[in-house]
Amino acid sequence: YLQSVLPVTDYYKKFNGHTSRWQTVPEINKG
């Protein structure tokens, strides 16, 4: 079962490397 990658948020100002690229996630899930 391929589970879609979960969204992320920069609301908490943590994990900048992950959360600053949040727009990549929908692209991955489409693929």
PDB file of all heavy atoms in Angstrom:
ATOM      1  N   TYR A   1       0.854  -1.186   0.000  1.00  0.00           N
ATOM      2  CA  TYR A   1       0.000   0.000   0.000  1.00  0.00           C
ATOM      3  C   TYR A   1       0.892   1.238   0.000  1.00  0.00           C
ATOM      4  O   TYR A   1       1.719   1.411   0.900  1.00  0.00           O
ATOM      5  CB  TYR A   1      -0.895   0.022   1.238  1.00  0.00           C
ATOM      6  CG  TYR A   1      -1.891  -1.126   1.295  1.00  0.00           C
ATOM      7  CD1 TYR A   1      -1.509  -2.385   1.782  1.00  0.00           C
ATOM      8  CD2 TYR A   1      -3.209  -0.952   0.868  1.00  0.00           C
ATOM      9  CE1 TYR A   1      -2.412  -3.435   1.832  1.00  0.00           C
ATOM     10  CE2 TYR A   1      -4.123  -2.010   0.926  1.00  0.00           C
ATOM     11  CZ  TYR A   1      -3.714  -3.241   1.405  1.00  0.00           C
ATOM     12  OH  TYR A   1      -4.610  -4.273   1.454  1.00  0.00           O
ATOM     13  N   LEU A   2       0.729   2.086  -0.995  1.00  0.00           N
ATOM     14  CA  LEU A   2       1.464   3.345  -1.061  1.00  0.00           C
ATOM     15  C   LEU A   2       0.633   4.430  -0.390  1.00  0.00           C
ATOM     16  O   LEU A   2      -0.424   4.817  -0.905  1.00  0.00           O
ATOM     17  CB  LEU A   2       1.750   3.742  -2.513  1.00  0.00           C
ATOM     18  CG  LEU A   2       2.660   2.827  -3.328  1.00  0.00           C
ATOM     19  CD1 LEU A   2       2.891   3.435  -4.718  1.00  0.00           C
ATOM     20  CD2 LEU A   2       3.988   2.602  -2.620  1.00  0.00           C
ATOM     21  N   GLN A   3       1.091   4.891   0.743  1.00  0.00           N
ATOM     22  CA  GLN A   3       0.385   5.970   1.442  1.00  0.00           C
ATOM     23  C   GLN A   3       0.946   7.313   0.992  1.00  0.00           C
ATOM     24  O   GLN A   3       2.159   7.482   0.855  1.00  0.00           O
ATOM     25  CB  GLN A   3       0.569   5.813   2.949  1.00  0.00           C
ATOM     26  CG  GLN A   3       0.007   4.500   3.490  1.00  0.00           C
ATOM     27  CD  GLN A   3       0.298   4.335   4.969  1.00  0.00           C
ATOM     28  OE1 GLN A   3      -0.551   4.566   5.812  1.00  0.00           O
ATOM     29  NE2 GLN A   3       1.511   3.928   5.286  1.00  0.00           N
ATOM     30  N   SER A   4       0.061   8.247   0.759  1.00  0.00           N
ATOM     31  CA  SER A   4       0.504   9.575   0.335  1.00  0.00           C
ATOM     32  C   SER A   4       1.355  10.223   1.427  1.00  0.00           C
ATOM     33  O   SER A   4       1.168   9.963   2.614  1.00  0.00           O
ATOM     34  CB  SER A   4      -0.708  10.463   0.029  1.00  0.00           C
ATOM     35  OG  SER A   4      -1.449  10.719   1.210  1.00  0.00           O
ATOM     36  N   VAL A   5       2.304  11.042   1.002  1.00  0.00           N
ATOM     37  CA  VAL A   5       3.101  11.805   1.954  1.00  0.00           C
ATOM     38  C   VAL A   5       2.188  12.813   2.644  1.00  0.00           C
ATOM     39  O   VAL A   5       1.331  13.443   2.006  1.00  0.00           O
ATOM     40  CB  VAL A   5       4.270  12.518   1.239  1.00  0.00           C
ATOM     41  CG1 VAL A   5       5.061  13.385   2.215  1.00  0.00           C
ATOM     42  CG2 VAL A   5       5.182  11.488   0.584  1.00  0.00           C
ATOM     43  N   LEU A   6       2.356  12.946   3.945  1.00  0.00           N
ATOM     44  CA  LEU A   6       1.528  13.871   4.717  1.00  0.00           C
ATOM     45  C   LEU A   6       1.945  15.322   4.469  1.00  0.00           C
ATOM     46  O   LEU A   6       3.122  15.600   4.204  1.00  0.00           O
ATOM     47  CB  LEU A   6       1.656  13.570   6.208  1.00  0.00           C
ATOM     48  CG  LEU A   6       1.018  12.269   6.693  1.00  0.00           C
ATOM     49  CD1 LEU A   6       1.497  11.948   8.101  1.00  0.00           C
ATOM     50  CD2 LEU A   6      -0.496  12.346   6.647  1.00  0.00           C
ATOM     51  N   PRO A   7       1.016  16.252   4.582  1.00  0.00           N
ATOM     52  CA  PRO A   7       1.388  17.668   4.483  1.00  0.00           C
ATOM     53  C   PRO A   7       2.237  18.081   5.678  1.00  0.00           C
ATOM     54  O   PRO A   7       2.272  17.383   6.702  1.00  0.00           O
ATOM     55  CB  PRO A   7       0.037  18.390   4.478  1.00  0.00           C
ATOM     56  CG  PRO A   7      -0.894  17.460   5.194  1.00  0.00           C
ATOM     57  CD  PRO A   7      -0.425  16.072   4.847  1.00  0.00           C
ATOM     58  N   VAL A   8       2.916  19.194   5.553  1.00  0.00           N
ATOM     59  CA  VAL A   8       3.704  19.775   6.642  1.00  0.00           C
ATOM     60  C   VAL A   8       3.301  21.239   6.778  1.00  0.00           C
ATOM     61  O   VAL A   8       2.613  21.790   5.920  1.00  0.00           O
ATOM     62  CB  VAL A   8       5.223  19.668   6.365  1.00  0.00           C
ATOM     63  CG1 VAL A   8       5.674  18.213   6.389  1.00  0.00           C
ATOM     64  CG2 VAL A   8       5.586  20.316   5.025  1.00  0.00           C
ATOM     65  N   THR A   9       3.729  21.878   7.860  1.00  0.00           N
ATOM     66  CA  THR A   9       3.427  23.290   8.041  1.00  0.00           C
ATOM     67  C   THR A   9       4.590  24.013   8.714  1.00  0.00           C
ATOM     68  O   THR A   9       5.257  23.450   9.590  1.00  0.00           O
ATOM     69  CB  THR A   9       2.140  23.510   8.863  1.00  0.00           C
ATOM     70  OG1 THR A   9       1.940  24.922   9.054  1.00  0.00           O
ATOM     71  CG2 THR A   9       2.205  22.848  10.219  1.00  0.00           C
ATOM     72  N   ASP A  10       4.803  25.246   8.286  1.00  0.00           N
ATOM     73  CA  ASP A  10       5.844  26.088   8.898  1.00  0.00           C
ATOM     74  C   ASP A  10       5.299  26.943  10.042  1.00  0.00           C
ATOM     75  O   ASP A  10       5.970  27.831  10.542  1.00  0.00           O
ATOM     76  CB  ASP A  10       6.499  26.983   7.839  1.00  0.00           C
ATOM     77  CG  ASP A  10       5.473  27.785   7.032  1.00  0.00           C
ATOM     78  OD1 ASP A  10       4.272  27.774   7.388  1.00  0.00           O
ATOM     79  OD2 ASP A  10       5.879  28.424   6.043  1.00  0.00           O
ATOM     80  N   TYR A  11       4.104  26.637  10.476  1.00  0.00           N
ATOM     81  CA  TYR A  11       3.431  27.411  11.525  1.00  0.00           C
ATOM     82  C   TYR A  11       4.272  27.481  12.798  1.00  0.00           C
ATOM     83  O   TYR A  11       4.316  28.517  13.475  1.00  0.00           O
ATOM     84  CB  TYR A  11       2.073  26.774  11.824  1.00  0.00           C
ATOM     85  CG  TYR A  11       1.276  27.443  12.919  1.00  0.00           C
ATOM     86  CD1 TYR A  11       0.461  28.548  12.651  1.00  0.00           C
ATOM     87  CD2 TYR A  11       1.319  26.964  14.240  1.00  0.00           C
ATOM     88  CE1 TYR A  11      -0.280  29.152  13.653  1.00  0.00           C
ATOM     89  CE2 TYR A  11       0.590  27.569  15.242  1.00  0.00           C
ATOM     90  CZ  TYR A  11      -0.211  28.659  14.950  1.00  0.00           C
ATOM     91  OH  TYR A  11      -0.937  29.265  15.953  1.00  0.00           O
ATOM     92  N   TYR A  12       4.949  26.385  13.133  1.00  0.00           N
ATOM     93  CA  TYR A  12       5.704  26.316  14.391  1.00  0.00           C
ATOM     94  C   TYR A  12       7.166  26.737  14.231  1.00  0.00           C
ATOM     95  O   TYR A  12       7.927  26.694  15.201  1.00  0.00           O
ATOM     96  CB  TYR A  12       5.632  24.896  14.958  1.00  0.00           C
ATOM     97  CG  TYR A  12       4.228  24.477  15.331  1.00  0.00           C
ATOM     98  CD1 TYR A  12       3.476  23.661  14.484  1.00  0.00           C
ATOM     99  CD2 TYR A  12       3.640  24.905  16.516  1.00  0.00           C
ATOM    100  CE1 TYR A  12       2.181  23.272  14.815  1.00  0.00           C
ATOM    101  CE2 TYR A  12       2.350  24.521  16.856  1.00  0.00           C
ATOM    102  CZ  TYR A  12       1.622  23.714  15.998  1.00  0.00           C
ATOM    103  OH  TYR A  12       0.343  23.348  16.328  1.00  0.00           O
ATOM    104  N   LYS A  13       7.565  27.087  13.001  1.00  0.00           N
ATOM    105  CA  LYS A  13       8.941  27.548  12.728  1.00  0.00           C
ATOM    106  C   LYS A  13       9.979  26.482  13.099  1.00  0.00           C
ATOM    107  O   LYS A  13      11.065  26.795  13.598  1.00  0.00           O
ATOM    108  CB  LYS A  13       9.250  28.857  13.478  1.00  0.00           C
ATOM    109  CG  LYS A  13       8.208  29.944  13.310  1.00  0.00           C
ATOM    110  CD  LYS A  13       8.013  30.337  11.852  1.00  0.00           C
ATOM    111  CE  LYS A  13       6.974  31.448  11.717  1.00  0.00           C
ATOM    112  NZ  LYS A  13       6.643  31.726  10.301  1.00  0.00           N
ATOM    113  N   LYS A  14       9.641  25.229  12.874  1.00  0.00           N
ATOM    114  CA  LYS A  14      10.558  24.114  13.131  1.00  0.00           C
ATOM    115  C   LYS A  14      10.722  23.294  11.854  1.00  0.00           C
ATOM    116  O   LYS A  14       9.912  23.373  10.941  1.00  0.00           O
ATOM    117  CB  LYS A  14      10.027  23.219  14.258  1.00  0.00           C
ATOM    118  CG  LYS A  14       9.921  23.915  15.611  1.00  0.00           C
ATOM    119  CD  LYS A  14       9.403  22.950  16.673  1.00  0.00           C
ATOM    120  CE  LYS A  14       9.316  23.640  18.037  1.00  0.00           C
ATOM    121  NZ  LYS A  14       8.811  22.714  19.083  1.00  0.00           N
ATOM    122  N   PHE A  15      11.788  22.497  11.808  1.00  0.00           N
ATOM    123  CA  PHE A  15      12.051  21.633  10.651  1.00  0.00           C
ATOM    124  C   PHE A  15      11.957  22.407   9.337  1.00  0.00           C
ATOM    125  O   PHE A  15      11.248  22.015   8.415  1.00  0.00           O
ATOM    126  CB  PHE A  15      11.087  20.440  10.646  1.00  0.00           C
ATOM    127  CG  PHE A  15      11.257  19.518  11.819  1.00  0.00           C
ATOM    128  CD1 PHE A  15      10.388  19.587  12.901  1.00  0.00           C
ATOM    129  CD2 PHE A  15      12.300  18.599  11.858  1.00  0.00           C
ATOM    130  CE1 PHE A  15      10.555  18.747  13.996  1.00  0.00           C
ATOM    131  CE2 PHE A  15      12.471  17.761  12.951  1.00  0.00           C
ATOM    132  CZ  PHE A  15      11.600  17.835  14.018  1.00  0.00           C
ATOM    133  N   ASN A  16      12.702  23.483   9.266  1.00  0.00           N
ATOM    134  CA  ASN A  16      12.632  24.373   8.112  1.00  0.00           C
ATOM    135  C   ASN A  16      12.941  23.660   6.803  1.00  0.00           C
ATOM    136  O   ASN A  16      12.339  23.960   5.760  1.00  0.00           O
ATOM    137  CB  ASN A  16      13.591  25.560   8.300  1.00  0.00           C
ATOM    138  CG  ASN A  16      13.494  26.553   7.166  1.00  0.00           C
ATOM    139  OD1 ASN A  16      12.447  27.140   6.928  1.00  0.00           O
ATOM    140  ND2 ASN A  16      14.592  26.750   6.443  1.00  0.00           N
ATOM    141  N   GLY A  17      13.884  22.719   6.847  1.00  0.00           N
ATOM    142  CA  GLY A  17      14.227  21.989   5.628  1.00  0.00           C
ATOM    143  C   GLY A  17      13.052  21.232   5.049  1.00  0.00           C
ATOM    144  O   GLY A  17      12.923  21.085   3.831  1.00  0.00           O
ATOM    145  N   HIS A  18      12.191  20.746   5.918  1.00  0.00           N
ATOM    146  CA  HIS A  18      10.990  20.027   5.484  1.00  0.00           C
ATOM    147  C   HIS A  18       9.858  21.002   5.147  1.00  0.00           C
ATOM    148  O   HIS A  18       9.238  20.911   4.090  1.00  0.00           O
ATOM    149  CB  HIS A  18      10.490  19.085   6.580  1.00  0.00           C
ATOM    150  CG  HIS A  18      11.476  18.061   7.028  1.00  0.00           C
ATOM    151  ND1 HIS A  18      12.553  18.360   7.833  1.00  0.00           N
ATOM    152  CD2 HIS A  18      11.545  16.721   6.798  1.00  0.00           C
ATOM    153  CE1 HIS A  18      13.241  17.263   8.085  1.00  0.00           C
ATOM    154  NE2 HIS A  18      12.648  16.248   7.472  1.00  0.00           N
ATOM    155  N   THR A  19       9.588  21.902   6.080  1.00  0.00           N
ATOM    156  CA  THR A  19       8.368  22.707   5.974  1.00  0.00           C
ATOM    157  C   THR A  19       8.458  23.831   4.939  1.00  0.00           C
ATOM    158  O   THR A  19       7.434  24.256   4.410  1.00  0.00           O
ATOM    159  CB  THR A  19       8.001  23.299   7.345  1.00  0.00           C
ATOM    160  OG1 THR A  19       9.054  24.161   7.799  1.00  0.00           O
ATOM    161  CG2 THR A  19       7.790  22.195   8.374  1.00  0.00           C
ATOM    162  N   SER A  20       9.664  24.288   4.637  1.00  0.00           N
ATOM    163  CA  SER A  20       9.790  25.356   3.642  1.00  0.00           C
ATOM    164  C   SER A  20       9.547  24.843   2.226  1.00  0.00           C
ATOM    165  O   SER A  20       9.318  25.626   1.302  1.00  0.00           O
ATOM    166  CB  SER A  20      11.178  26.010   3.721  1.00  0.00           C
ATOM    167  OG  SER A  20      12.198  25.072   3.385  1.00  0.00           O
ATOM    168  N   ARG A  21       9.573  23.515   2.070  1.00  0.00           N
ATOM    169  CA  ARG A  21       9.357  22.908   0.752  1.00  0.00           C
ATOM    170  C   ARG A  21       7.998  22.204   0.697  1.00  0.00           C
ATOM    171  O   ARG A  21       7.836  21.203   0.002  1.00  0.00           O
ATOM    172  CB  ARG A  21      10.488  21.928   0.446  1.00  0.00           C
ATOM    173  CG  ARG A  21      11.882  22.570   0.395  1.00  0.00           C
ATOM    174  CD  ARG A  21      12.956  21.543   0.053  1.00  0.00           C
ATOM    175  NE  ARG A  21      14.257  22.159  -0.126  1.00  0.00           N
ATOM    176  CZ  ARG A  21      15.205  22.224   0.802  1.00  0.00           C
ATOM    177  NH1 ARG A  21      14.973  21.713   2.006  1.00  0.00           N
ATOM    178  NH2 ARG A  21      16.358  22.791   0.562  1.00  0.00           N
ATOM    179  N   TRP A  22       7.029  22.724   1.424  1.00  0.00           N
ATOM    180  CA  TRP A  22       5.731  22.068   1.554  1.00  0.00           C
ATOM    181  C   TRP A  22       5.023  21.857   0.220  1.00  0.00           C
ATOM    182  O   TRP A  22       4.231  20.925   0.052  1.00  0.00           O
ATOM    183  CB  TRP A  22       4.838  22.849   2.516  1.00  0.00           C
ATOM    184  CG  TRP A  22       4.540  24.266   2.085  1.00  0.00           C
ATOM    185  CD1 TRP A  22       5.287  25.371   2.361  1.00  0.00           C
ATOM    186  CD2 TRP A  22       3.422  24.717   1.318  1.00  0.00           C
ATOM    187  NE1 TRP A  22       4.714  26.490   1.814  1.00  0.00           N
ATOM    188  CE2 TRP A  22       3.561  26.123   1.168  1.00  0.00           C
ATOM    189  CE3 TRP A  22       2.315  24.093   0.756  1.00  0.00           C
ATOM    190  CZ2 TRP A  22       2.641  26.898   0.463  1.00  0.00           C
ATOM    191  CZ3 TRP A  22       1.392  24.859   0.048  1.00  0.00           C
ATOM    192  CH2 TRP A  22       1.562  26.246  -0.084  1.00  0.00           C
ATOM    193  N   GLN A  23       5.335  22.697  -0.766  1.00  0.00           N
ATOM    194  CA  GLN A  23       4.657  22.585  -2.059  1.00  0.00           C
ATOM    195  C   GLN A  23       5.123  21.367  -2.867  1.00  0.00           C
ATOM    196  O   GLN A  23       4.483  20.994  -3.851  1.00  0.00           O
ATOM    197  CB  GLN A  23       4.871  23.866  -2.867  1.00  0.00           C
ATOM    198  CG  GLN A  23       4.121  25.065  -2.273  1.00  0.00           C
ATOM    199  CD  GLN A  23       4.537  26.383  -2.907  1.00  0.00           C
ATOM    200  OE1 GLN A  23       5.721  26.694  -2.987  1.00  0.00           O
ATOM    201  NE2 GLN A  23       3.568  27.160  -3.333  1.00  0.00           N
ATOM    202  N   THR A  24       6.232  20.747  -2.438  1.00  0.00           N
ATOM    203  CA  THR A  24       6.713  19.539  -3.121  1.00  0.00           C
ATOM    204  C   THR A  24       5.821  18.343  -2.831  1.00  0.00           C
ATOM    205  O   THR A  24       5.711  17.427  -3.652  1.00  0.00           O
ATOM    206  CB  THR A  24       8.166  19.216  -2.679  1.00  0.00           C
ATOM    207  OG1 THR A  24       8.983  20.363  -2.874  1.00  0.00           O
ATOM    208  CG2 THR A  24       8.751  18.058  -3.468  1.00  0.00           C
ATOM    209  N   VAL A  25       5.173  18.352  -1.682  1.00  0.00           N
ATOM    210  CA  VAL A  25       4.401  17.183  -1.238  1.00  0.00           C
ATOM    211  C   VAL A  25       3.267  16.820  -2.207  1.00  0.00           C
ATOM    212  O   VAL A  25       3.142  15.648  -2.589  1.00  0.00           O
ATOM    213  CB  VAL A  25       3.884  17.381   0.202  1.00  0.00           C
ATOM    214  CG1 VAL A  25       2.961  16.227   0.605  1.00  0.00           C
ATOM    215  CG2 VAL A  25       5.060  17.486   1.171  1.00  0.00           C
ATOM    216  N   PRO A  26       2.430  17.764  -2.639  1.00  0.00           N
ATOM    217  CA  PRO A  26       1.383  17.396  -3.603  1.00  0.00           C
ATOM    218  C   PRO A  26       1.939  16.830  -4.909  1.00  0.00           C
ATOM    219  O   PRO A  26       1.319  15.951  -5.524  1.00  0.00           O
ATOM    220  CB  PRO A  26       0.641  18.711  -3.843  1.00  0.00           C
ATOM    221  CG  PRO A  26       0.922  19.546  -2.646  1.00  0.00           C
ATOM    222  CD  PRO A  26       2.311  19.175  -2.224  1.00  0.00           C
ATOM    223  N   GLU A  27       3.113  17.302  -5.318  1.00  0.00           N
ATOM    224  CA  GLU A  27       3.749  16.773  -6.535  1.00  0.00           C
ATOM    225  C   GLU A  27       4.130  15.307  -6.349  1.00  0.00           C
ATOM    226  O   GLU A  27       3.925  14.491  -7.253  1.00  0.00           O
ATOM    227  CB  GLU A  27       5.000  17.574  -6.874  1.00  0.00           C
ATOM    228  CG  GLU A  27       4.773  19.030  -7.248  1.00  0.00           C
ATOM    229  CD  GLU A  27       6.100  19.735  -7.506  1.00  0.00           C
ATOM    230  OE1 GLU A  27       6.924  19.184  -8.258  1.00  0.00           O
ATOM    231  OE2 GLU A  27       6.311  20.818  -6.940  1.00  0.00           O
ATOM    232  N   ILE A  28       4.680  14.995  -5.185  1.00  0.00           N
ATOM    233  CA  ILE A  28       5.037  13.604  -4.888  1.00  0.00           C
ATOM    234  C   ILE A  28       3.793  12.729  -4.918  1.00  0.00           C
ATOM    235  O   ILE A  28       3.773  11.655  -5.525  1.00  0.00           O
ATOM    236  CB  ILE A  28       5.711  13.483  -3.508  1.00  0.00           C
ATOM    237  CG1 ILE A  28       7.018  14.265  -3.469  1.00  0.00           C
ATOM    238  CG2 ILE A  28       5.969  12.008  -3.158  1.00  0.00           C
ATOM    239  CD1 ILE A  28       7.593  14.410  -2.073  1.00  0.00           C
ATOM    240  N   ASN A  29       2.745  13.192  -4.272  1.00  0.00           N
ATOM    241  CA  ASN A  29       1.527  12.392  -4.175  1.00  0.00           C
ATOM    242  C   ASN A  29       0.876  12.159  -5.536  1.00  0.00           C
ATOM    243  O   ASN A  29       0.333  11.075  -5.794  1.00  0.00           O
ATOM    244  CB  ASN A  29       0.550  13.052  -3.203  1.00  0.00           C
ATOM    245  CG  ASN A  29       1.048  12.990  -1.771  1.00  0.00           C
ATOM    246  OD1 ASN A  29       1.854  12.126  -1.423  1.00  0.00           O
ATOM    247  ND2 ASN A  29       0.585  13.902  -0.932  1.00  0.00           N
ATOM    248  N   LYS A  30       0.967  13.144  -6.395  1.00  0.00           N
ATOM    249  CA  LYS A  30       0.458  12.969  -7.766  1.00  0.00           C
ATOM    250  C   LYS A  30       1.238  11.858  -8.460  1.00  0.00           C
ATOM    251  O   LYS A  30       0.670  10.996  -9.130  1.00  0.00           O
ATOM    252  CB  LYS A  30       0.587  14.279  -8.540  1.00  0.00           C
ATOM    253  CG  LYS A  30       0.012  14.222  -9.947  1.00  0.00           C
ATOM    254  CD  LYS A  30       0.141  15.574 -10.641  1.00  0.00           C
ATOM    255  CE  LYS A  30      -0.405  15.504 -12.067  1.00  0.00           C
ATOM    256  NZ  LYS A  30      -0.248  16.823 -12.765  1.00  0.00           N
ATOM    257  N   GLY A  31       2.566  11.871  -8.267  1.00  0.00           N
ATOM    258  CA  GLY A  31       3.408  10.830  -8.853  1.00  0.00           C
ATOM    259  C   GLY A  31       3.154   9.459  -8.251  1.00  0.00           C
ATOM    260  O   GLY A  31       3.172   8.446  -8.962  1.00  0.00           O
TER     261      GLY A  31
END
